[in-house]
Each structure stands twice: as structure tokens, then as C-alpha cells.
Amino acid sequence: MGKKHCKDCRRKKAEKEAERLMDSWMCFFYNDVWCPHSEVPKHLRVGSVCQRCEHFADFEAEMEREETEIEDILRNPEKYGYRGVF
């Protein structure tokens, strides 16, 4: 005989499973983008299909812009309202 679980336990288990499934459909780089390669398990995508995805290129460009901005802030902190040394 199996264990009997209360309604709250069954509901929490179902919610957790739904959240896991929903997460597996989402883009590795963006939390609000559906992955066009969701048939591949999420933990295997990065080394395979993600490298060729348009979202990966967008993510890389965004990271490059942020890195450039951070470097500019570190070179010219006064320009951005920062005083002192980082």
C-alpha cells in the first residue's frame, strides 16, 4: 500500500512538477522567452543547440554592451556620479 497524502501535499507536488516542466520550456538565457529547442533537456542545451540560437547571439551582444558600460564607468566614475575608487 502506498502512502496517502493530504490535498495540500498533492497540490504542492503538482505545482512543483508544473513549475519544473515550465522551466524546461524556457530559454536558458532569458526567463521570459520560450525556447525553440525545448525538446532537448535544458541541462543539455547549452553545449549544443544554444550556441546556434538567435537568443544566444542577443544575450552575448547584451553582455558585451554591459561590459563596455562597466569599463567606461570604471575609467570615468565622475561622469556617472561616483566618487572615490571602486
N, C-alpha and C. Protein backbone atom coordinates (compact mmCIF):
# COMPACT_ATOMS: atom_id res chain seq x y z
N MET A 1 0.83 -1.19 0.00
CA MET A 1 0.00 0.00 0.00
C MET A 1 0.87 1.25 0.00
N GLY A 2 0.45 2.22 -0.77
CA GLY A 2 1.18 3.47 -0.84
C GLY A 2 0.73 4.43 0.25
N LYS A 3 1.51 5.45 0.42
CA LYS A 3 1.18 6.48 1.40
C LYS A 3 0.01 7.31 0.90
N LYS A 4 -0.80 7.75 1.82
CA LYS A 4 -1.86 8.69 1.48
C LYS A 4 -1.36 10.07 1.83
N HIS A 5 -1.56 10.99 0.91
CA HIS A 5 -1.13 12.36 1.12
C HIS A 5 -2.35 13.26 1.21
N CYS A 6 -2.21 14.31 1.99
CA CYS A 6 -3.30 15.27 2.11
C CYS A 6 -3.42 16.09 0.83
N LYS A 7 -4.52 16.82 0.69
CA LYS A 7 -4.76 17.63 -0.51
C LYS A 7 -3.66 18.67 -0.71
N ASP A 8 -3.22 19.29 0.37
CA ASP A 8 -2.16 20.31 0.27
C ASP A 8 -0.86 19.71 -0.26
N CYS A 9 -0.51 18.53 0.23
CA CYS A 9 0.72 17.87 -0.24
C CYS A 9 0.62 17.52 -1.71
N ARG A 10 -0.53 17.00 -2.14
CA ARG A 10 -0.71 16.66 -3.55
C ARG A 10 -0.68 17.92 -4.41
N ARG A 11 -1.30 19.00 -3.93
CA ARG A 11 -1.31 20.26 -4.67
C ARG A 11 0.09 20.81 -4.80
N LYS A 12 0.86 20.81 -3.70
CA LYS A 12 2.23 21.31 -3.75
C LYS A 12 3.09 20.48 -4.70
N LYS A 13 2.90 19.18 -4.68
CA LYS A 13 3.66 18.30 -5.56
C LYS A 13 3.31 18.60 -7.03
N ALA A 14 2.03 18.77 -7.31
CA ALA A 14 1.60 19.09 -8.67
C ALA A 14 2.13 20.44 -9.12
N GLU A 15 2.11 21.43 -8.23
CA GLU A 15 2.63 22.76 -8.55
C GLU A 15 4.14 22.71 -8.84
N LYS A 16 4.85 21.94 -8.04
CA LYS A 16 6.29 21.81 -8.22
C LYS A 16 6.60 21.14 -9.57
N GLU A 17 5.84 20.12 -9.92
CA GLU A 17 6.04 19.44 -11.19
C GLU A 17 5.71 20.37 -12.37
N ALA A 18 4.64 21.14 -12.25
CA ALA A 18 4.27 22.10 -13.29
C ALA A 18 5.35 23.17 -13.45
N GLU A 19 5.90 23.64 -12.34
CA GLU A 19 6.98 24.64 -12.38
C GLU A 19 8.23 24.07 -13.05
N ARG A 20 8.58 22.83 -12.74
CA ARG A 20 9.73 22.18 -13.35
C ARG A 20 9.53 22.03 -14.85
N LEU A 21 8.33 21.63 -15.25
CA LEU A 21 8.04 21.46 -16.66
C LEU A 21 8.08 22.81 -17.38
N MET A 22 7.50 23.83 -16.78
CA MET A 22 7.50 25.17 -17.38
C MET A 22 8.93 25.66 -17.53
N ASP A 23 9.76 25.44 -16.52
CA ASP A 23 11.16 25.87 -16.58
C ASP A 23 11.89 25.16 -17.71
N SER A 24 11.57 23.91 -17.97
CA SER A 24 12.25 23.17 -19.03
C SER A 24 11.90 23.72 -20.41
N TRP A 25 10.81 24.46 -20.53
CA TRP A 25 10.41 25.04 -21.82
C TRP A 25 11.00 26.42 -22.03
N MET A 26 11.59 27.00 -21.00
CA MET A 26 12.07 28.38 -21.09
C MET A 26 13.51 28.42 -21.60
N CYS A 27 13.85 29.56 -22.18
CA CYS A 27 15.18 29.82 -22.70
C CYS A 27 16.20 29.79 -21.56
N PHE A 28 17.36 29.28 -21.84
CA PHE A 28 18.42 29.22 -20.83
C PHE A 28 18.90 30.62 -20.45
N PHE A 29 18.85 31.57 -21.39
CA PHE A 29 19.41 32.90 -21.18
C PHE A 29 18.38 33.93 -20.74
N TYR A 30 17.11 33.72 -21.07
CA TYR A 30 16.06 34.68 -20.74
C TYR A 30 14.90 33.96 -20.05
N ASN A 31 14.44 34.51 -18.94
CA ASN A 31 13.35 33.88 -18.18
C ASN A 31 11.98 34.07 -18.81
N ASP A 32 11.86 35.00 -19.75
CA ASP A 32 10.56 35.30 -20.34
C ASP A 32 10.47 34.92 -21.82
N VAL A 33 11.32 34.00 -22.27
CA VAL A 33 11.35 33.58 -23.67
C VAL A 33 11.19 32.06 -23.74
N TRP A 34 10.26 31.61 -24.60
CA TRP A 34 10.11 30.17 -24.83
C TRP A 34 11.27 29.68 -25.68
N CYS A 35 11.83 28.58 -25.32
CA CYS A 35 12.96 28.01 -26.06
C CYS A 35 12.46 27.29 -27.31
N PRO A 36 13.03 27.62 -28.48
CA PRO A 36 12.62 26.90 -29.69
C PRO A 36 13.14 25.46 -29.73
N HIS A 37 14.01 25.12 -28.79
CA HIS A 37 14.59 23.77 -28.74
C HIS A 37 14.21 23.05 -27.45
N SER A 38 12.99 23.25 -26.99
CA SER A 38 12.59 22.69 -25.69
C SER A 38 12.50 21.17 -25.71
N GLU A 39 12.58 20.55 -26.88
CA GLU A 39 12.58 19.08 -26.93
C GLU A 39 13.90 18.52 -26.39
N VAL A 40 14.94 19.35 -26.35
CA VAL A 40 16.23 18.95 -25.78
C VAL A 40 16.21 19.32 -24.30
N PRO A 41 16.57 18.41 -23.40
CA PRO A 41 16.58 18.74 -21.97
C PRO A 41 17.43 19.99 -21.70
N LYS A 42 16.94 20.84 -20.82
CA LYS A 42 17.56 22.15 -20.57
C LYS A 42 19.04 22.03 -20.21
N HIS A 43 19.41 21.05 -19.40
CA HIS A 43 20.81 20.93 -18.98
C HIS A 43 21.73 20.48 -20.12
N LEU A 44 21.17 19.99 -21.23
CA LEU A 44 21.98 19.58 -22.38
C LEU A 44 22.02 20.64 -23.48
N ARG A 45 21.13 21.61 -23.42
CA ARG A 45 21.02 22.61 -24.49
C ARG A 45 22.24 23.51 -24.62
N VAL A 46 22.81 23.96 -23.51
CA VAL A 46 23.88 24.96 -23.54
C VAL A 46 25.04 24.51 -24.40
N GLY A 47 25.44 23.28 -24.28
CA GLY A 47 26.57 22.79 -25.04
C GLY A 47 26.24 22.39 -26.47
N SER A 48 24.96 22.43 -26.82
CA SER A 48 24.61 22.00 -28.17
C SER A 48 23.83 23.09 -28.92
N VAL A 49 22.53 23.08 -28.82
CA VAL A 49 21.70 23.97 -29.64
C VAL A 49 21.74 25.43 -29.22
N CYS A 50 22.00 25.74 -27.99
CA CYS A 50 22.00 27.14 -27.53
C CYS A 50 23.07 27.98 -28.22
N GLN A 51 24.18 27.37 -28.58
CA GLN A 51 25.27 28.10 -29.23
C GLN A 51 24.86 28.64 -30.60
N ARG A 52 23.88 28.02 -31.25
CA ARG A 52 23.44 28.44 -32.58
C ARG A 52 22.13 29.23 -32.55
N CYS A 53 21.59 29.46 -31.39
CA CYS A 53 20.28 30.10 -31.25
C CYS A 53 20.38 31.63 -31.35
N GLU A 54 19.35 32.25 -31.91
CA GLU A 54 19.32 33.71 -32.02
C GLU A 54 19.31 34.37 -30.63
N HIS A 55 18.72 33.72 -29.65
CA HIS A 55 18.69 34.27 -28.30
C HIS A 55 20.09 34.32 -27.70
N PHE A 56 20.91 33.34 -28.04
CA PHE A 56 22.29 33.32 -27.56
C PHE A 56 23.05 34.51 -28.11
N ALA A 57 22.88 34.80 -29.39
CA ALA A 57 23.55 35.95 -30.01
C ALA A 57 23.09 37.25 -29.36
N ASP A 58 21.79 37.38 -29.11
CA ASP A 58 21.26 38.58 -28.43
C ASP A 58 21.85 38.71 -27.03
N PHE A 59 21.91 37.59 -26.32
CA PHE A 59 22.44 37.57 -24.96
C PHE A 59 23.91 37.98 -24.96
N GLU A 60 24.68 37.43 -25.88
CA GLU A 60 26.10 37.78 -25.99
C GLU A 60 26.28 39.27 -26.27
N ALA A 61 25.49 39.82 -27.18
CA ALA A 61 25.57 41.25 -27.51
C ALA A 61 25.22 42.10 -26.30
N GLU A 62 24.19 41.69 -25.56
CA GLU A 62 23.79 42.42 -24.35
C GLU A 62 24.90 42.39 -23.30
N MET A 63 25.53 41.24 -23.12
CA MET A 63 26.62 41.13 -22.15
C MET A 63 27.81 42.00 -22.58
N GLU A 64 28.08 42.06 -23.86
CA GLU A 64 29.18 42.88 -24.37
C GLU A 64 28.90 44.36 -24.12
N ARG A 65 27.65 44.80 -24.35
CA ARG A 65 27.27 46.19 -24.08
C ARG A 65 27.44 46.52 -22.60
N GLU A 66 26.98 45.61 -21.73
CA GLU A 66 27.11 45.84 -20.30
C GLU A 66 28.57 45.90 -19.87
N GLU A 67 29.39 45.02 -20.42
CA GLU A 67 30.81 45.01 -20.08
C GLU A 67 31.48 46.31 -20.50
N THR A 68 31.13 46.80 -21.68
CA THR A 68 31.68 48.06 -22.18
C THR A 68 31.25 49.21 -21.27
N GLU A 69 29.99 49.20 -20.85
CA GLU A 69 29.48 50.25 -19.96
C GLU A 69 30.19 50.22 -18.61
N ILE A 70 30.40 49.04 -18.07
CA ILE A 70 31.09 48.90 -16.78
C ILE A 70 32.52 49.41 -16.90
N GLU A 71 33.19 49.05 -17.99
CA GLU A 71 34.56 49.53 -18.19
C GLU A 71 34.60 51.05 -18.27
N ASP A 72 33.61 51.64 -18.94
CA ASP A 72 33.54 53.10 -19.04
C ASP A 72 33.30 53.74 -17.67
N ILE A 73 32.45 53.12 -16.87
CA ILE A 73 32.20 53.63 -15.51
C ILE A 73 33.48 53.57 -14.69
N LEU A 74 34.22 52.47 -14.80
CA LEU A 74 35.46 52.33 -14.03
C LEU A 74 36.52 53.33 -14.49
N ARG A 75 36.54 53.67 -15.78
CA ARG A 75 37.50 54.64 -16.29
C ARG A 75 37.11 56.07 -15.93
N ASN A 76 35.80 56.36 -15.92
CA ASN A 76 35.30 57.72 -15.69
C ASN A 76 34.20 57.73 -14.63
N PRO A 77 34.51 57.41 -13.38
CA PRO A 77 33.45 57.33 -12.37
C PRO A 77 32.75 58.67 -12.12
N GLU A 78 33.48 59.78 -12.27
CA GLU A 78 32.88 61.09 -12.03
C GLU A 78 31.75 61.37 -13.02
N LYS A 79 31.91 60.91 -14.24
CA LYS A 79 30.92 61.11 -15.30
C LYS A 79 29.56 60.50 -14.91
N TYR A 80 29.60 59.44 -14.12
CA TYR A 80 28.39 58.74 -13.72
C TYR A 80 27.97 59.04 -12.28
N GLY A 81 28.62 60.03 -11.66
CA GLY A 81 28.22 60.43 -10.33
C GLY A 81 28.85 59.64 -9.20
N TYR A 82 29.88 58.84 -9.51
CA TYR A 82 30.57 58.08 -8.47
C TYR A 82 31.80 58.85 -8.02
N ARG A 83 32.09 58.74 -6.73
CA ARG A 83 33.30 59.38 -6.20
C ARG A 83 34.16 58.31 -5.56
N GLY A 84 35.44 58.56 -5.57
CA GLY A 84 36.35 57.62 -4.94
C GLY A 84 36.74 56.49 -5.87
N VAL A 85 37.38 55.51 -5.27
CA VAL A 85 37.90 54.37 -6.01
C VAL A 85 37.01 53.17 -5.76
N PHE A 86 36.81 52.36 -6.78
CA PHE A 86 35.99 51.13 -6.63
C PHE A 86 36.81 50.05 -6.01
